[in-house]
Each structure stands twice: as structure tokens, then as C-alpha cells.
Amino acid sequence: MTEELNLLIEDTTASMTKAINHLETELVKIRAGKANPNMLDGINADYYGNPTPISQVANITAMDARTISVQPWEKNMLQTIERAIIAANIGINPQNDGNIIRLFLPPLTEERRKELVKRCNTEGENAKISIRNIRRDVIESIKKLQKDGLSEDAAKDGELEAQGITDKYISLIEKHLAAKEKEIMVV
């Protein structure tokens, strides 16, 4: 029975790691005043009738701290990519010169910085909810194992271990949020 308990704990750790990875991905998309090509992740352009990520139809690079360049592999994609960026409403207006699209990031205002911090905190709260849901599911599974013959001591140990893992991942979320907030608030 302890083998099943160990598998549950391993699954819990793997699931919580996925939640952290998702949080990291979402936090990268929130701009902190510096140009980052990953800001365009999740924006799809219409490529011959198929919504395709911009990174698969163009070369995206950070030219400097405030400029991102998007160079499509096919010139006829310029307008489509430009429309997709505008439609994504990421707060940046694309500049199309006929060969390349440039995205100039304006300096962040104090109000906008606070707004971005709130968005980060919302993402962090979503990650915490995911972690807590995973903990709840594993504790329910441990209780089912206990009904099927797992000793009470082993069940309690499993629940304590699940709580310890949960605490570890929640503190990791807090560290990510603190780092991102610091990055956003630096002028």
C-alpha cells in the first residue's frame, strides 16, 4: 500500500511543478518595461486560413531594451501579423515599414506598473488555487486508500507530506511574484 502512497506523492509533485511552470509562462508574458520576444507568445496570426503563433511565421527579436522587431518569413504576412498584434491588445502599437514590424515599448507609468502587479498577483492566486486543488485531490485519494486498508499512521504521514509539498510550492509562487513585482516596479 505504501507504494501507492508514494506514487500519489510523486504525481502530486509533478502536478504542482506543472502549475509553477504555467505561472512562469504567464509571468513572462507580462511586460516589465523591457522588450522580451516572449511577450508575443500566445498571439496567433492567420496563416493561410490557420491561426498560427507569430513565432512560427516570423523571426522575433529584441533589438534593444525598448524595441522588438518582427520580421515575417513571407512579406505578405506583414499586414496579418500587424492586425494580430493590434487585436491582441497588449498595449503596443506596431510600426510597419514594409519589411519589418517594430514594436516600441513605451515607458511604464506608475499606474500601469501597479496594474501589471495586480495582473501578476491574479496569476499567482490562480496558481495557488491550482496547488490547493491538487492537495485536496491527493488527500481525498489518501482517504480512499485508508478505506481500502492503508494504516491510519501511513495515511497521516501521507497527508503531512502532501501539506509539506503544498507549502513548498506556495512559497515558490510567492518568490516568483516578489521577483516579478520587483522587476515591474523598478523605474
Protein backbone atom coordinates (compact mmCIF):
# COMPACT_ATOMS: atom_id res chain seq x y z
CA MET A 1 0.00 0.00 0.00
CA THR A 2 2.85 2.44 0.72
CA GLU A 3 3.90 2.05 -2.92
CA GLU A 4 0.54 3.51 -3.98
CA LEU A 5 1.03 6.32 -1.48
CA ASN A 6 4.49 7.06 -2.90
CA LEU A 7 3.03 7.18 -6.43
CA LEU A 8 0.37 9.62 -5.23
CA ILE A 9 3.03 11.88 -3.71
CA GLU A 10 5.12 11.73 -6.91
CA ASP A 11 2.06 12.62 -9.01
CA THR A 12 1.33 15.49 -6.63
CA THR A 13 4.84 16.87 -7.04
CA ALA A 14 4.66 16.54 -10.84
CA SER A 15 1.27 18.28 -11.00
CA MET A 16 2.40 21.12 -8.76
CA THR A 17 5.55 21.55 -10.86
CA LYS A 18 3.31 21.93 -13.93
CA ALA A 19 1.31 24.62 -12.10
CA ILE A 20 4.55 26.50 -11.34
CA ASN A 21 5.70 26.16 -14.97
CA HIS A 22 2.37 27.58 -16.13
CA LEU A 23 2.74 30.52 -13.74
CA GLU A 24 6.26 31.20 -15.04
CA THR A 25 4.95 31.16 -18.62
CA GLU A 26 2.17 33.59 -17.77
CA LEU A 27 4.51 35.92 -15.87
CA VAL A 28 6.90 36.10 -18.84
CA LYS A 29 4.03 37.41 -20.98
CA ILE A 30 3.50 40.34 -18.60
CA ARG A 31 5.93 43.01 -19.73
CA ALA A 32 8.09 44.69 -17.16
CA GLY A 33 9.34 47.60 -19.22
CA LYS A 34 11.96 45.55 -21.02
CA ALA A 35 11.49 44.18 -24.52
CA ASN A 36 11.09 40.42 -24.46
CA PRO A 37 10.22 38.36 -27.58
CA ASN A 38 8.15 36.04 -25.35
CA MET A 39 5.63 38.86 -24.94
CA LEU A 40 4.22 37.81 -28.30
CA ASP A 41 3.70 34.18 -27.24
CA GLY A 42 0.06 33.26 -27.46
CA ILE A 43 -0.67 35.73 -30.29
CA ASN A 44 -1.81 33.94 -33.42
CA ALA A 45 -1.82 35.29 -36.97
CA ASP A 46 -3.99 33.91 -39.76
CA TYR A 47 -1.58 31.88 -41.91
CA TYR A 48 -3.41 30.58 -44.99
CA GLY A 49 -6.60 30.12 -43.00
CA ASN A 50 -4.99 28.61 -39.91
CA PRO A 51 -4.36 30.51 -36.68
CA THR A 52 -0.61 30.13 -36.24
CA PRO A 53 1.66 31.53 -33.49
CA ILE A 54 3.59 34.55 -34.75
CA SER A 55 6.85 32.89 -33.70
CA GLN A 56 6.20 30.21 -36.34
CA VAL A 57 5.74 32.65 -39.23
CA ALA A 58 8.30 35.32 -38.32
CA ASN A 59 11.61 35.96 -36.66
CA ILE A 60 11.06 37.83 -33.37
CA THR A 61 14.00 39.58 -31.72
CA ALA A 62 14.60 42.22 -29.08
CA MET A 63 16.58 44.95 -30.85
CA ASP A 64 17.24 46.84 -27.61
CA ALA A 65 15.64 47.26 -24.17
CA ARG A 66 12.58 49.02 -25.62
CA THR A 67 12.19 47.61 -29.15
CA ILE A 68 11.03 44.26 -30.52
CA SER A 69 11.33 43.51 -34.23
CA VAL A 70 9.09 41.04 -36.03
CA GLN A 71 10.39 40.01 -39.45
CA PRO A 72 7.97 37.71 -41.31
CA TRP A 73 9.42 34.99 -43.49
CA GLU A 74 6.88 35.92 -46.17
CA LYS A 75 6.27 39.60 -46.98
CA ASN A 76 2.54 39.04 -47.49
CA MET A 77 2.26 38.21 -43.76
CA LEU A 78 3.18 41.75 -42.62
CA GLN A 79 -0.41 43.05 -42.56
CA THR A 80 -1.77 39.88 -40.99
CA ILE A 81 0.81 39.89 -38.18
CA GLU A 82 0.25 43.61 -37.60
CA ARG A 83 -3.53 43.06 -37.28
CA ALA A 84 -2.98 40.11 -34.91
CA ILE A 85 -0.75 42.22 -32.62
CA ILE A 86 -3.31 45.05 -32.59
CA ALA A 87 -6.15 42.59 -31.90
CA ALA A 88 -4.18 41.01 -29.00
CA ASN A 89 -4.41 44.37 -27.19
CA ILE A 90 -1.04 44.10 -25.46
CA GLY A 91 -0.71 47.86 -25.18
CA ILE A 92 1.81 48.29 -28.01
CA ASN A 93 1.15 49.75 -31.45
CA PRO A 94 3.11 48.02 -34.23
CA GLN A 95 5.07 50.16 -36.71
CA ASN A 96 5.15 48.56 -40.17
CA ASP A 97 7.80 49.87 -42.59
CA GLY A 98 7.07 47.42 -45.40
CA ASN A 99 9.84 44.96 -44.47
CA ILE A 100 9.70 44.60 -40.73
CA ILE A 101 7.31 45.34 -37.87
CA ARG A 102 8.78 47.22 -34.93
CA LEU A 103 7.16 47.32 -31.53
CA PHE A 104 8.29 50.26 -29.42
CA LEU A 105 7.55 49.74 -25.75
CA PRO A 106 6.59 52.98 -24.08
CA PRO A 107 7.99 53.63 -20.61
CA LEU A 108 5.58 52.36 -17.97
CA THR A 109 3.64 54.86 -15.89
CA GLU A 110 3.25 54.29 -12.15
CA GLU A 111 -0.44 53.49 -12.68
CA ARG A 112 0.36 50.95 -15.41
CA ARG A 113 3.03 49.34 -13.21
CA LYS A 114 0.51 48.88 -10.39
CA GLU A 115 -1.96 47.43 -12.89
CA LEU A 116 0.67 44.92 -14.07
CA VAL A 117 1.48 43.96 -10.46
CA LYS A 118 -2.24 43.29 -9.89
CA ARG A 119 -2.28 41.10 -13.00
CA CYS A 120 0.76 39.20 -11.68
CA ASN A 121 -0.95 38.72 -8.33
CA THR A 122 -4.06 37.39 -10.09
CA GLU A 123 -1.91 34.85 -11.96
CA GLY A 124 -0.22 33.95 -8.67
CA GLU A 125 -3.58 33.46 -6.97
CA ASN A 126 -4.69 31.19 -9.83
CA ALA A 127 -1.53 29.13 -9.38
CA LYS A 128 -2.15 28.89 -5.62
CA ILE A 129 -5.70 27.71 -6.27
CA SER A 130 -4.34 25.02 -8.62
CA ILE A 131 -1.84 23.90 -5.97
CA ARG A 132 -4.54 23.74 -3.29
CA ASN A 133 -6.85 21.78 -5.61
CA ILE A 134 -4.06 19.28 -6.24
CA ARG A 135 -3.53 18.97 -2.46
CA ARG A 136 -7.27 18.43 -1.91
CA ASP A 137 -7.36 15.70 -4.58
CA VAL A 138 -4.36 13.86 -3.15
CA ILE A 139 -5.79 13.97 0.39
CA GLU A 140 -9.07 12.54 -0.92
CA SER A 141 -7.11 9.78 -2.66
CA ILE A 142 -5.20 9.04 0.57
CA LYS A 143 -8.50 8.75 2.45
CA LYS A 144 -9.77 6.30 -0.19
CA LEU A 145 -6.57 4.27 0.25
CA GLN A 146 -7.16 4.31 4.01
CA LYS A 147 -10.66 2.86 3.47
CA ASP A 148 -9.06 0.18 1.30
CA GLY A 149 -6.73 -0.90 4.07
CA LEU A 150 -3.93 1.67 4.40
CA SER A 151 -2.93 2.15 8.03
CA GLU A 152 -4.03 5.33 9.78
CA ASP A 153 -0.41 6.29 10.55
CA ALA A 154 0.64 5.90 6.91
CA ALA A 155 -2.38 7.97 5.81
CA LYS A 156 -1.49 10.75 8.28
CA ASP A 157 2.14 10.69 7.12
CA GLY A 158 0.96 10.95 3.50
CA GLU A 159 -1.30 13.89 4.32
CA LEU A 160 1.53 15.64 6.18
CA GLU A 161 3.87 15.07 3.26
CA ALA A 162 1.26 16.42 0.82
CA GLN A 163 0.86 19.52 3.02
CA GLY A 164 4.63 19.98 3.17
CA ILE A 165 4.89 19.81 -0.62
CA THR A 166 1.99 22.26 -0.90
CA ASP A 167 3.68 24.73 1.45
CA LYS A 168 6.92 24.46 -0.53
CA TYR A 169 5.19 25.23 -3.84
CA ILE A 170 3.10 28.07 -2.38
CA SER A 171 6.31 29.72 -1.09
CA LEU A 172 7.84 29.21 -4.56
CA ILE A 173 4.87 31.07 -6.07
CA GLU A 174 5.41 33.89 -3.57
CA LYS A 175 9.09 34.12 -4.59
CA HIS A 176 8.16 34.30 -8.29
CA LEU A 177 5.59 37.02 -7.60
CA ALA A 178 8.00 39.04 -5.45
CA ALA A 179 10.69 38.86 -8.15
CA LYS A 180 8.27 39.88 -10.90
CA GLU A 181 6.86 42.74 -8.79
CA LYS A 182 10.39 44.00 -8.14
CA GLU A 183 11.16 43.78 -11.87
CA ILE A 184 7.99 45.70 -12.78
CA MET A 185 8.34 48.42 -10.14
CA VAL A 186 11.99 49.27 -10.97
CA VAL A 187 11.98 52.54 -12.91
